[in-house]
Amino acid sequence: MKQYKNLIALFFIILITSCENTPQIEKEAKNRLPVVTKNLAKVPESVKLSNINTVYRNDSLCIIHLDFAAKNQIGTETTSICEYIYLKHNYHNFEYFNELDEDSVYQNKKYYEKTKNDKIYRNLDYDMAMRQRAIIAINKSGREITNNTNEEKNVIPVPTGTGTWLLGTYNNEFRENTKDNYIFTVGTGEFSNFLINNAELGIIAYVTKDSLIYFKFFEYVNNLVNDNKEFTMKLKTSQGDIQSFKMYNQKEGEIISDNKEENKKLYNFLKKQEGQIKGYAQMGEFIITTYHFSFNTTGLKNAIKIIQ
């Protein structure tokens, strides 16, 4: 009987210990969820979180998938499947929250092995690749949790040393991937004219293996700008260096340099001045639209090596 009681006692000790062994980073991440979601919701008191599932974690990174429900301003409840990233780096904590889609951070190991050859992190192991993907998401649209100032947020270095640059591959006429790679990074901004003021702008900056640089602007994030006109683009580095470039917006939407010499000037400017770049441009003939935007070129030199 005594031995039986000892076994029961041991069972409860193991049970209690296992309940207390949830890694600290996962506890911290889950404690942040109510704060983050209520800050995002139009009606904070209506927030409901369910199906909270930790899909990945290690000592410095935790990725959680969950169902996020809340009421909008007219009282209708909407539900989204979302992804929350919690990352520790150099004694600072960072986070990222977004709806789950094809570009979400988490990938299972089987999918990673299947697709890594087309990614800029193809030489990293699985855990380092997940860290790279998480850092890129945070650098792009995440935040430092303890930073309540208006200061520019810290840019976390990625394992490949390539910043927010990603690898792309051109398709042939049969929509098959070729071996013709390019790199690109995504930026944000605003556009204004007499009809609209400070509307959301998305931009993509591309660099090809032939050192051609071109951009695409997306009004309201998904409407490609194809003005088919020449214009001047001004770029400013974080060190205060400002240069102007003659650009042409083709009817297909690519914004390219006016000639080879201008492209070389732009290429050398971006390659030399790695860091945050601010841009300004005006396009249009009868309706003049002003574009303010920014993107980050950190890691460009390392990223170029991958495609050369």
C-alpha atoms as a PDB file:
ATOM      1  CA  MET A   1       0.000   0.000   0.000  1.00  0.00           C
ATOM      2  CA  LYS A   2       2.822   2.358   0.893  1.00  0.00           C
ATOM      3  CA  GLN A   3       4.470   1.668  -2.461  1.00  0.00           C
ATOM      4  CA  TYR A   4       1.169   2.375  -4.211  1.00  0.00           C
ATOM      5  CA  LYS A   5       0.850   5.735  -2.424  1.00  0.00           C
ATOM      6  CA  ASN A   6       4.408   6.614  -3.395  1.00  0.00           C
ATOM      7  CA  LEU A   7       3.609   5.913  -7.054  1.00  0.00           C
ATOM      8  CA  ILE A   8       0.564   8.175  -6.890  1.00  0.00           C
ATOM      9  CA  ALA A   9       2.639  10.925  -5.293  1.00  0.00           C
ATOM     10  CA  LEU A  10       5.300  10.546  -7.978  1.00  0.00           C
ATOM     11  CA  PHE A  11       2.645  10.741 -10.705  1.00  0.00           C
ATOM     12  CA  PHE A  12       1.304  14.045  -9.380  1.00  0.00           C
ATOM     13  CA  ILE A  13       4.814  15.468  -9.047  1.00  0.00           C
ATOM     14  CA  ILE A  14       5.506  14.626 -12.710  1.00  0.00           C
ATOM     15  CA  LEU A  15       2.142  16.063 -13.754  1.00  0.00           C
ATOM     16  CA  ILE A  16       2.687  19.338 -11.891  1.00  0.00           C
ATOM     17  CA  THR A  17       6.256  19.621 -13.167  1.00  0.00           C
ATOM     18  CA  SER A  18       5.191  19.089 -16.786  1.00  0.00           C
ATOM     19  CA  CYS A  19       2.525  21.796 -16.474  1.00  0.00           C
ATOM     20  CA  GLU A  20       5.147  24.204 -15.158  1.00  0.00           C
ATOM     21  CA  ASN A  21       7.618  23.369 -17.909  1.00  0.00           C
ATOM     22  CA  THR A  22       6.044  25.509 -20.625  1.00  0.00           C
ATOM     23  CA  PRO A  23       9.043  27.440 -21.986  1.00  0.00           C
ATOM     24  CA  GLN A  24       9.297  31.010 -20.748  1.00  0.00           C
ATOM     25  CA  ILE A  25       9.267  32.453 -24.255  1.00  0.00           C
ATOM     26  CA  GLU A  26       5.940  30.749 -25.004  1.00  0.00           C
ATOM     27  CA  LYS A  27       4.444  32.090 -21.762  1.00  0.00           C
ATOM     28  CA  GLU A  28       5.585  35.612 -22.635  1.00  0.00           C
ATOM     29  CA  ALA A  29       4.216  35.328 -26.172  1.00  0.00           C
ATOM     30  CA  LYS A  30       0.803  34.111 -25.004  1.00  0.00           C
ATOM     31  CA  ASN A  31       0.642  36.859 -22.382  1.00  0.00           C
ATOM     32  CA  ARG A  32       1.138  39.410 -25.167  1.00  0.00           C
ATOM     33  CA  LEU A  33      -1.749  38.128 -27.304  1.00  0.00           C
ATOM     34  CA  PRO A  34      -4.606  39.888 -25.419  1.00  0.00           C
ATOM     35  CA  VAL A  35      -2.647  43.170 -25.451  1.00  0.00           C
ATOM     36  CA  VAL A  36      -1.815  43.027 -29.173  1.00  0.00           C
ATOM     37  CA  THR A  37      -5.277  41.969 -30.346  1.00  0.00           C
ATOM     38  CA  LYS A  38      -7.135  44.536 -28.223  1.00  0.00           C
ATOM     39  CA  ASN A  39      -4.892  47.274 -29.612  1.00  0.00           C
ATOM     40  CA  LEU A  40      -5.803  46.173 -33.144  1.00  0.00           C
ATOM     41  CA  ALA A  41      -9.540  45.764 -32.607  1.00  0.00           C
ATOM     42  CA  LYS A  42     -12.042  48.548 -33.317  1.00  0.00           C
ATOM     43  CA  VAL A  43     -14.044  47.337 -30.297  1.00  0.00           C
ATOM     44  CA  PRO A  44     -11.390  46.014 -27.867  1.00  0.00           C
ATOM     45  CA  GLU A  45     -13.872  44.541 -25.387  1.00  0.00           C
ATOM     46  CA  SER A  46     -15.299  42.291 -28.122  1.00  0.00           C
ATOM     47  CA  VAL A  47     -12.030  40.405 -28.761  1.00  0.00           C
ATOM     48  CA  LYS A  48     -12.233  36.606 -28.615  1.00  0.00           C
ATOM     49  CA  LEU A  49      -9.183  34.384 -29.057  1.00  0.00           C
ATOM     50  CA  SER A  50      -9.439  30.651 -29.696  1.00  0.00           C
ATOM     51  CA  ASN A  51      -7.546  27.684 -31.180  1.00  0.00           C
ATOM     52  CA  ILE A  52      -4.277  29.125 -29.881  1.00  0.00           C
ATOM     53  CA  ASN A  53      -1.573  26.814 -31.198  1.00  0.00           C
ATOM     54  CA  THR A  54       2.188  27.179 -30.831  1.00  0.00           C
ATOM     55  CA  VAL A  55       3.509  25.935 -34.179  1.00  0.00           C
ATOM     56  CA  TYR A  56       7.185  26.720 -33.594  1.00  0.00           C
ATOM     57  CA  ARG A  57       9.430  27.729 -30.723  1.00  0.00           C
ATOM     58  CA  ASN A  58      13.013  27.775 -29.549  1.00  0.00           C
ATOM     59  CA  ASP A  59      14.875  29.828 -26.952  1.00  0.00           C
ATOM     60  CA  SER A  60      14.469  33.118 -28.816  1.00  0.00           C
ATOM     61  CA  LEU A  61      11.518  32.691 -31.210  1.00  0.00           C
ATOM     62  CA  CYS A  62       7.893  31.685 -30.744  1.00  0.00           C
ATOM     63  CA  ILE A  63       5.307  31.457 -33.547  1.00  0.00           C
ATOM     64  CA  ILE A  64       1.630  31.095 -32.671  1.00  0.00           C
ATOM     65  CA  HIS A  65      -1.402  30.553 -34.904  1.00  0.00           C
ATOM     66  CA  LEU A  66      -4.841  31.477 -33.590  1.00  0.00           C
ATOM     67  CA  ASP A  67      -8.405  32.472 -34.422  1.00  0.00           C
ATOM     68  CA  PHE A  68      -9.007  36.182 -33.790  1.00  0.00           C
ATOM     69  CA  ALA A  69     -12.621  37.398 -33.570  1.00  0.00           C
ATOM     70  CA  ALA A  70     -13.797  40.942 -32.879  1.00  0.00           C
ATOM     71  CA  LYS A  71     -16.613  43.303 -33.719  1.00  0.00           C
ATOM     72  CA  ASN A  72     -16.170  46.125 -36.199  1.00  0.00           C
ATOM     73  CA  GLN A  73     -17.536  49.658 -35.799  1.00  0.00           C
ATOM     74  CA  ILE A  74     -21.039  48.657 -36.937  1.00  0.00           C
ATOM     75  CA  GLY A  75     -21.202  45.735 -34.542  1.00  0.00           C
ATOM     76  CA  THR A  76     -20.577  42.858 -36.950  1.00  0.00           C
ATOM     77  CA  GLU A  77     -18.242  40.175 -35.638  1.00  0.00           C
ATOM     78  CA  THR A  78     -15.500  39.023 -38.004  1.00  0.00           C
ATOM     79  CA  THR A  79     -13.048  36.154 -37.526  1.00  0.00           C
ATOM     80  CA  SER A  80      -9.562  35.753 -38.977  1.00  0.00           C
ATOM     81  CA  ILE A  81      -6.920  33.064 -38.695  1.00  0.00           C
ATOM     82  CA  CYS A  82      -3.771  34.921 -37.670  1.00  0.00           C
ATOM     83  CA  GLU A  83      -0.084  34.481 -36.978  1.00  0.00           C
ATOM     84  CA  TYR A  84       1.758  36.033 -34.040  1.00  0.00           C
ATOM     85  CA  ILE A  85       5.565  36.214 -33.885  1.00  0.00           C
ATOM     86  CA  TYR A  86       7.470  36.877 -30.651  1.00  0.00           C
ATOM     87  CA  LEU A  87      11.244  37.281 -30.979  1.00  0.00           C
ATOM     88  CA  LYS A  88      14.054  38.027 -28.547  1.00  0.00           C
ATOM     89  CA  HIS A  89      17.187  39.720 -29.866  1.00  0.00           C
ATOM     90  CA  ASN A  90      19.995  41.365 -27.874  1.00  0.00           C
ATOM     91  CA  TYR A  91      17.828  41.802 -24.759  1.00  0.00           C
ATOM     92  CA  HIS A  92      15.049  43.432 -26.786  1.00  0.00           C
ATOM     93  CA  ASN A  93      11.641  41.887 -27.530  1.00  0.00           C
ATOM     94  CA  PHE A  94       9.911  42.214 -30.899  1.00  0.00           C
ATOM     95  CA  GLU A  95       6.530  41.144 -32.247  1.00  0.00           C
ATOM     96  CA  TYR A  96       4.551  40.808 -35.453  1.00  0.00           C
ATOM     97  CA  PHE A  97       0.840  40.074 -35.982  1.00  0.00           C
ATOM     98  CA  ASN A  98      -0.909  39.442 -39.282  1.00  0.00           C
ATOM     99  CA  GLU A  99      -3.555  37.345 -40.986  1.00  0.00           C
ATOM    100  CA  LEU A 100      -2.400  33.909 -42.041  1.00  0.00           C
ATOM    101  CA  ASP A 101      -1.761  33.716 -45.801  1.00  0.00           C
ATOM    102  CA  GLU A 102       0.650  32.211 -48.347  1.00  0.00           C
ATOM    103  CA  ASP A 103       3.391  34.615 -47.243  1.00  0.00           C
ATOM    104  CA  SER A 104       3.109  33.830 -43.538  1.00  0.00           C
ATOM    105  CA  VAL A 105       6.317  33.206 -41.623  1.00  0.00           C
ATOM    106  CA  TYR A 106       5.875  29.653 -40.409  1.00  0.00           C
ATOM    107  CA  GLN A 107       6.658  26.736 -42.688  1.00  0.00           C
ATOM    108  CA  ASN A 108       6.799  23.111 -41.647  1.00  0.00           C
ATOM    109  CA  LYS A 109      10.116  21.365 -42.175  1.00  0.00           C
ATOM    110  CA  LYS A 110       8.912  19.272 -45.133  1.00  0.00           C
ATOM    111  CA  TYR A 111       7.688  22.337 -47.050  1.00  0.00           C
ATOM    112  CA  TYR A 112      10.901  24.218 -46.242  1.00  0.00           C
ATOM    113  CA  GLU A 113      13.055  21.421 -47.693  1.00  0.00           C
ATOM    114  CA  LYS A 114      10.876  21.328 -50.802  1.00  0.00           C
ATOM    115  CA  THR A 115      11.009  25.072 -51.542  1.00  0.00           C
ATOM    116  CA  LYS A 116      14.282  26.350 -50.054  1.00  0.00           C
ATOM    117  CA  ASN A 117      16.260  26.267 -53.321  1.00  0.00           C
ATOM    118  CA  ASP A 118      14.206  29.223 -54.583  1.00  0.00           C
ATOM    119  CA  LYS A 119      14.784  31.286 -51.415  1.00  0.00           C
ATOM    120  CA  ILE A 120      17.551  33.625 -50.353  1.00  0.00           C
ATOM    121  CA  TYR A 121      18.047  31.530 -47.207  1.00  0.00           C
ATOM    122  CA  ARG A 122      18.542  28.275 -49.148  1.00  0.00           C
ATOM    123  CA  ASN A 123      21.914  27.611 -47.469  1.00  0.00           C
ATOM    124  CA  LEU A 124      20.500  27.899 -43.930  1.00  0.00           C
ATOM    125  CA  ASP A 125      19.244  25.029 -41.822  1.00  0.00           C
ATOM    126  CA  TYR A 126      15.543  24.903 -40.906  1.00  0.00           C
ATOM    127  CA  ASP A 127      15.785  26.744 -37.566  1.00  0.00           C
ATOM    128  CA  MET A 128      17.907  29.556 -38.957  1.00  0.00           C
ATOM    129  CA  ALA A 129      15.555  29.883 -41.943  1.00  0.00           C
ATOM    130  CA  MET A 130      12.567  30.308 -39.596  1.00  0.00           C
ATOM    131  CA  ARG A 131      14.497  33.000 -37.750  1.00  0.00           C
ATOM    132  CA  GLN A 132      15.319  34.730 -41.039  1.00  0.00           C
ATOM    133  CA  ARG A 133      11.660  34.703 -42.115  1.00  0.00           C
ATOM    134  CA  ALA A 134      10.533  36.018 -38.718  1.00  0.00           C
ATOM    135  CA  ILE A 135      13.094  38.832 -38.715  1.00  0.00           C
ATOM    136  CA  ILE A 136      12.141  39.946 -42.223  1.00  0.00           C
ATOM    137  CA  ALA A 137       8.465  40.141 -41.202  1.00  0.00           C
ATOM    138  CA  ILE A 138       9.312  42.116 -38.059  1.00  0.00           C
ATOM    139  CA  ASN A 139      11.661  44.495 -39.866  1.00  0.00           C
ATOM    140  CA  LYS A 140       8.994  45.119 -42.482  1.00  0.00           C
ATOM    141  CA  SER A 141       5.876  45.659 -40.358  1.00  0.00           C
ATOM    142  CA  GLY A 142       6.503  44.483 -36.811  1.00  0.00           C
ATOM    143  CA  ARG A 143       7.513  46.459 -33.744  1.00  0.00           C
ATOM    144  CA  GLU A 144       9.810  46.523 -30.752  1.00  0.00           C
ATOM    145  CA  ILE A 145       7.591  45.954 -27.725  1.00  0.00           C
ATOM    146  CA  THR A 146       9.424  48.282 -25.355  1.00  0.00           C
ATOM    147  CA  ASN A 147       9.863  51.101 -27.872  1.00  0.00           C
ATOM    148  CA  ASN A 148       7.117  53.626 -27.100  1.00  0.00           C
ATOM    149  CA  THR A 149       8.901  56.555 -28.720  1.00  0.00           C
ATOM    150  CA  ASN A 150       8.744  57.974 -32.225  1.00  0.00           C
ATOM    151  CA  GLU A 151      12.325  56.915 -32.857  1.00  0.00           C
ATOM    152  CA  GLU A 152      13.091  54.812 -35.923  1.00  0.00           C
ATOM    153  CA  LYS A 153      12.819  51.157 -34.954  1.00  0.00           C
ATOM    154  CA  ASN A 154      15.855  48.910 -34.764  1.00  0.00           C
ATOM    155  CA  VAL A 155      16.564  46.798 -37.827  1.00  0.00           C
ATOM    156  CA  ILE A 156      17.426  43.268 -36.739  1.00  0.00           C
ATOM    157  CA  PRO A 157      20.218  41.640 -38.785  1.00  0.00           C
ATOM    158  CA  VAL A 158      19.229  38.426 -40.571  1.00  0.00           C
ATOM    159  CA  PRO A 159      21.401  35.279 -40.568  1.00  0.00           C
ATOM    160  CA  THR A 160      22.255  35.592 -44.273  1.00  0.00           C
ATOM    161  CA  GLY A 161      23.350  39.219 -43.898  1.00  0.00           C
ATOM    162  CA  THR A 162      20.933  40.183 -46.690  1.00  0.00           C
ATOM    163  CA  GLY A 163      18.548  42.456 -44.780  1.00  0.00           C
ATOM    164  CA  THR A 164      14.990  42.415 -46.114  1.00  0.00           C
ATOM    165  CA  TRP A 165      16.080  41.382 -49.623  1.00  0.00           C
ATOM    166  CA  LEU A 166      14.341  38.302 -51.025  1.00  0.00           C
ATOM    167  CA  LEU A 167      15.128  36.056 -53.971  1.00  0.00           C
ATOM    168  CA  GLY A 168      12.862  35.827 -57.009  1.00  0.00           C
ATOM    169  CA  THR A 169      12.963  33.834 -60.252  1.00  0.00           C
ATOM    170  CA  TYR A 170      11.634  34.918 -63.638  1.00  0.00           C
ATOM    171  CA  ASN A 171       9.187  32.588 -65.427  1.00  0.00           C
ATOM    172  CA  ASN A 172       9.259  31.688 -69.112  1.00  0.00           C
ATOM    173  CA  GLU A 173       6.255  31.788 -71.468  1.00  0.00           C
ATOM    174  CA  PHE A 174       5.091  28.450 -70.058  1.00  0.00           C
ATOM    175  CA  ARG A 175       5.062  29.875 -66.492  1.00  0.00           C
ATOM    176  CA  GLU A 176       7.993  27.654 -65.599  1.00  0.00           C
ATOM    177  CA  ASN A 177      10.747  28.874 -63.289  1.00  0.00           C
ATOM    178  CA  THR A 178      13.984  29.705 -65.073  1.00  0.00           C
ATOM    179  CA  LYS A 179      17.449  30.019 -63.550  1.00  0.00           C
ATOM    180  CA  ASP A 180      17.297  33.777 -64.104  1.00  0.00           C
ATOM    181  CA  ASN A 181      17.160  35.115 -60.547  1.00  0.00           C
ATOM    182  CA  TYR A 182      16.683  38.595 -59.143  1.00  0.00           C
ATOM    183  CA  ILE A 183      16.448  40.111 -55.666  1.00  0.00           C
ATOM    184  CA  PHE A 184      13.779  42.447 -54.353  1.00  0.00           C
ATOM    185  CA  THR A 185      12.723  44.281 -51.212  1.00  0.00           C
ATOM    186  CA  VAL A 186       9.366  45.748 -50.232  1.00  0.00           C
ATOM    187  CA  GLY A 187       8.812  49.303 -49.013  1.00  0.00           C
ATOM    188  CA  THR A 188       5.906  51.484 -47.924  1.00  0.00           C
ATOM    189  CA  GLY A 189       4.723  55.029 -48.431  1.00  0.00           C
ATOM    190  CA  GLU A 190       1.873  57.399 -49.205  1.00  0.00           C
ATOM    191  CA  PHE A 191       0.518  59.156 -52.285  1.00  0.00           C
ATOM    192  CA  SER A 192      -1.555  62.308 -52.672  1.00  0.00           C
ATOM    193  CA  ASN A 193      -3.287  64.390 -55.350  1.00  0.00           C
ATOM    194  CA  PHE A 194      -6.232  66.779 -55.398  1.00  0.00           C
ATOM    195  CA  LEU A 195      -8.619  63.824 -55.053  1.00  0.00           C
ATOM    196  CA  ILE A 196      -6.907  61.897 -52.259  1.00  0.00           C
ATOM    197  CA  ASN A 197      -4.550  62.733 -49.409  1.00  0.00           C
ATOM    198  CA  ASN A 198      -1.907  60.430 -47.894  1.00  0.00           C
ATOM    199  CA  ALA A 199      -3.365  57.172 -49.209  1.00  0.00           C
ATOM    200  CA  GLU A 200      -1.402  53.957 -48.678  1.00  0.00           C
ATOM    201  CA  LEU A 201       1.365  53.124 -51.136  1.00  0.00           C
ATOM    202  CA  GLY A 202       3.333  49.914 -51.577  1.00  0.00           C
ATOM    203  CA  ILE A 203       6.612  49.771 -53.479  1.00  0.00           C
ATOM    204  CA  ILE A 204       8.960  47.027 -54.601  1.00  0.00           C
ATOM    205  CA  ALA A 205      12.602  47.624 -55.525  1.00  0.00           C
ATOM    206  CA  TYR A 206      14.230  45.049 -57.819  1.00  0.00           C
ATOM    207  CA  VAL A 207      17.861  44.306 -58.690  1.00  0.00           C
ATOM    208  CA  THR A 208      18.698  41.879 -61.512  1.00  0.00           C
ATOM    209  CA  LYS A 209      21.906  39.876 -61.996  1.00  0.00           C
ATOM    210  CA  ASP A 210      22.749  42.339 -64.803  1.00  0.00           C
ATOM    211  CA  SER A 211      22.718  45.179 -62.217  1.00  0.00           C
ATOM    212  CA  LEU A 212      19.484  46.644 -63.587  1.00  0.00           C
ATOM    213  CA  ILE A 213      17.426  48.395 -60.907  1.00  0.00           C
ATOM    214  CA  TYR A 214      13.725  49.028 -61.293  1.00  0.00           C
ATOM    215  CA  PHE A 215      10.719  49.734 -59.093  1.00  0.00           C
ATOM    216  CA  LYS A 216       6.987  49.122 -59.017  1.00  0.00           C
ATOM    217  CA  PHE A 217       4.513  51.405 -57.225  1.00  0.00           C
ATOM    218  CA  PHE A 218       1.162  50.131 -55.976  1.00  0.00           C
ATOM    219  CA  GLU A 219      -1.497  52.664 -55.005  1.00  0.00           C
ATOM    220  CA  TYR A 220      -3.725  51.353 -52.222  1.00  0.00           C
ATOM    221  CA  VAL A 221      -1.088  48.558 -52.062  1.00  0.00           C
ATOM    222  CA  ASN A 222      -2.574  46.564 -54.997  1.00  0.00           C
ATOM    223  CA  ASN A 223      -3.174  48.996 -57.904  1.00  0.00           C
ATOM    224  CA  LEU A 224      -0.077  49.030 -60.129  1.00  0.00           C
ATOM    225  CA  VAL A 225       0.956  52.502 -61.300  1.00  0.00           C
ATOM    226  CA  ASN A 226       1.601  52.562 -65.076  1.00  0.00           C
ATOM    227  CA  ASP A 227       1.688  56.235 -65.982  1.00  0.00           C
ATOM    228  CA  ASN A 228       3.877  55.640 -69.071  1.00  0.00           C
ATOM    229  CA  LYS A 229       5.711  58.931 -68.512  1.00  0.00           C
ATOM    230  CA  GLU A 230       9.138  60.268 -67.622  1.00  0.00           C
ATOM    231  CA  PHE A 231       9.695  61.810 -64.194  1.00  0.00           C
ATOM    232  CA  THR A 232      12.393  62.603 -61.632  1.00  0.00           C
ATOM    233  CA  MET A 233      12.857  60.483 -58.518  1.00  0.00           C
ATOM    234  CA  LYS A 234      14.720  61.898 -55.525  1.00  0.00           C
ATOM    235  CA  LEU A 235      16.305  59.531 -53.002  1.00  0.00           C
ATOM    236  CA  LYS A 236      17.758  60.416 -49.600  1.00  0.00           C
ATOM    237  CA  THR A 237      19.980  58.175 -47.465  1.00  0.00           C
ATOM    238  CA  SER A 238      19.957  58.049 -43.673  1.00  0.00           C
ATOM    239  CA  GLN A 239      23.262  59.967 -43.811  1.00  0.00           C
ATOM    240  CA  GLY A 240      21.509  62.847 -45.599  1.00  0.00           C
ATOM    241  CA  ASP A 241      22.915  62.297 -49.090  1.00  0.00           C
ATOM    242  CA  ILE A 242      20.300  63.314 -51.715  1.00  0.00           C
ATOM    243  CA  GLN A 243      20.450  62.476 -55.414  1.00  0.00           C
ATOM    244  CA  SER A 244      17.986  62.796 -58.292  1.00  0.00           C
ATOM    245  CA  PHE A 245      17.434  60.207 -61.004  1.00  0.00           C
ATOM    246  CA  LYS A 246      15.654  60.409 -64.348  1.00  0.00           C
ATOM    247  CA  MET A 247      13.136  57.575 -64.454  1.00  0.00           C
ATOM    248  CA  TYR A 248      10.528  56.244 -66.855  1.00  0.00           C
ATOM    249  CA  ASN A 249       7.303  54.503 -65.858  1.00  0.00           C
ATOM    250  CA  GLN A 250       6.630  51.922 -68.564  1.00  0.00           C
ATOM    251  CA  LYS A 251       3.119  50.880 -69.527  1.00  0.00           C
ATOM    252  CA  GLU A 252       3.772  47.478 -67.888  1.00  0.00           C
ATOM    253  CA  GLY A 253       4.402  49.300 -64.604  1.00  0.00           C
ATOM    254  CA  GLU A 254       8.181  48.924 -64.314  1.00  0.00           C
ATOM    255  CA  ILE A 255       9.850  52.159 -63.248  1.00  0.00           C
ATOM    256  CA  ILE A 256      13.326  52.095 -64.775  1.00  0.00           C
ATOM    257  CA  SER A 257      16.224  54.472 -65.288  1.00  0.00           C
ATOM    258  CA  ASP A 258      16.180  56.664 -68.385  1.00  0.00           C
ATOM    259  CA  ASN A 259      19.427  55.163 -69.742  1.00  0.00           C
ATOM    260  CA  LYS A 260      22.340  52.890 -68.841  1.00  0.00           C
ATOM    261  CA  GLU A 261      24.417  55.658 -67.323  1.00  0.00           C
ATOM    262  CA  GLU A 262      21.519  56.732 -65.106  1.00  0.00           C
ATOM    263  CA  ASN A 263      20.983  53.115 -64.021  1.00  0.00           C
ATOM    264  CA  LYS A 264      24.676  52.776 -63.167  1.00  0.00           C
ATOM    265  CA  LYS A 265      24.437  55.947 -61.099  1.00  0.00           C
ATOM    266  CA  LEU A 266      21.397  54.582 -59.252  1.00  0.00           C
ATOM    267  CA  TYR A 267      22.994  51.149 -58.742  1.00  0.00           C
ATOM    268  CA  ASN A 268      26.159  52.627 -57.242  1.00  0.00           C
ATOM    269  CA  PHE A 269      24.155  54.990 -55.039  1.00  0.00           C
ATOM    270  CA  LEU A 270      22.085  52.191 -53.489  1.00  0.00           C
ATOM    271  CA  LYS A 271      24.973  49.753 -53.194  1.00  0.00           C
ATOM    272  CA  LYS A 272      27.189  52.294 -51.457  1.00  0.00           C
ATOM    273  CA  GLN A 273      24.549  53.702 -49.116  1.00  0.00           C
ATOM    274  CA  GLU A 274      23.081  50.647 -47.416  1.00  0.00           C
ATOM    275  CA  GLY A 275      20.349  51.487 -44.911  1.00  0.00           C
ATOM    276  CA  GLN A 276      17.003  53.284 -44.877  1.00  0.00           C
ATOM    277  CA  ILE A 277      16.234  55.160 -48.104  1.00  0.00           C
ATOM    278  CA  LYS A 278      13.522  57.816 -48.376  1.00  0.00           C
ATOM    279  CA  GLY A 279      12.078  58.697 -51.760  1.00  0.00           C
ATOM    280  CA  TYR A 280      10.036  61.426 -53.425  1.00  0.00           C
ATOM    281  CA  ALA A 281       8.504  61.577 -56.890  1.00  0.00           C
ATOM    282  CA  GLN A 282       5.729  63.285 -58.838  1.00  0.00           C
ATOM    283  CA  MET A 283       3.929  61.708 -61.797  1.00  0.00           C
ATOM    284  CA  GLY A 284       1.071  62.712 -64.028  1.00  0.00           C
ATOM    285  CA  GLU A 285       0.216  65.330 -66.595  1.00  0.00           C
ATOM    286  CA  PHE A 286      -3.227  66.719 -65.790  1.00  0.00           C
ATOM    287  CA  ILE A 287      -3.546  65.146 -62.354  1.00  0.00           C
ATOM    288  CA  ILE A 288      -0.226  65.414 -60.527  1.00  0.00           C
ATOM    289  CA  THR A 289       0.295  62.674 -57.958  1.00  0.00           C
ATOM    290  CA  THR A 290       2.994  62.986 -55.301  1.00  0.00           C
ATOM    291  CA  TYR A 291       4.660  59.878 -53.899  1.00  0.00           C
ATOM    292  CA  HIS A 292       6.568  59.656 -50.613  1.00  0.00           C
ATOM    293  CA  PHE A 293       8.073  56.272 -49.833  1.00  0.00           C
ATOM    294  CA  SER A 294      10.870  54.422 -48.058  1.00  0.00           C
ATOM    295  CA  PHE A 295      12.665  51.101 -48.348  1.00  0.00           C
ATOM    296  CA  ASN A 296      15.724  49.532 -46.746  1.00  0.00           C
ATOM    297  CA  THR A 297      18.814  48.503 -48.698  1.00  0.00           C
ATOM    298  CA  THR A 298      20.687  46.929 -45.780  1.00  0.00           C
ATOM    299  CA  GLY A 299      22.374  43.710 -46.936  1.00  0.00           C
ATOM    300  CA  LEU A 300      22.266  44.618 -50.633  1.00  0.00           C
ATOM    301  CA  LYS A 301      25.913  43.749 -51.264  1.00  0.00           C
ATOM    302  CA  ASN A 302      25.500  40.277 -49.796  1.00  0.00           C
ATOM    303  CA  ALA A 303      22.216  39.745 -51.623  1.00  0.00           C
ATOM    304  CA  ILE A 304      23.783  40.689 -54.980  1.00  0.00           C
ATOM    305  CA  LYS A 305      26.432  37.971 -54.515  1.00  0.00           C
ATOM    306  CA  ILE A 306      23.687  35.351 -54.435  1.00  0.00           C
ATOM    307  CA  ILE A 307      22.471  36.157 -57.962  1.00  0.00           C
ATOM    308  CA  GLN A 308      25.810  36.840 -59.633  1.00  0.00           C
END
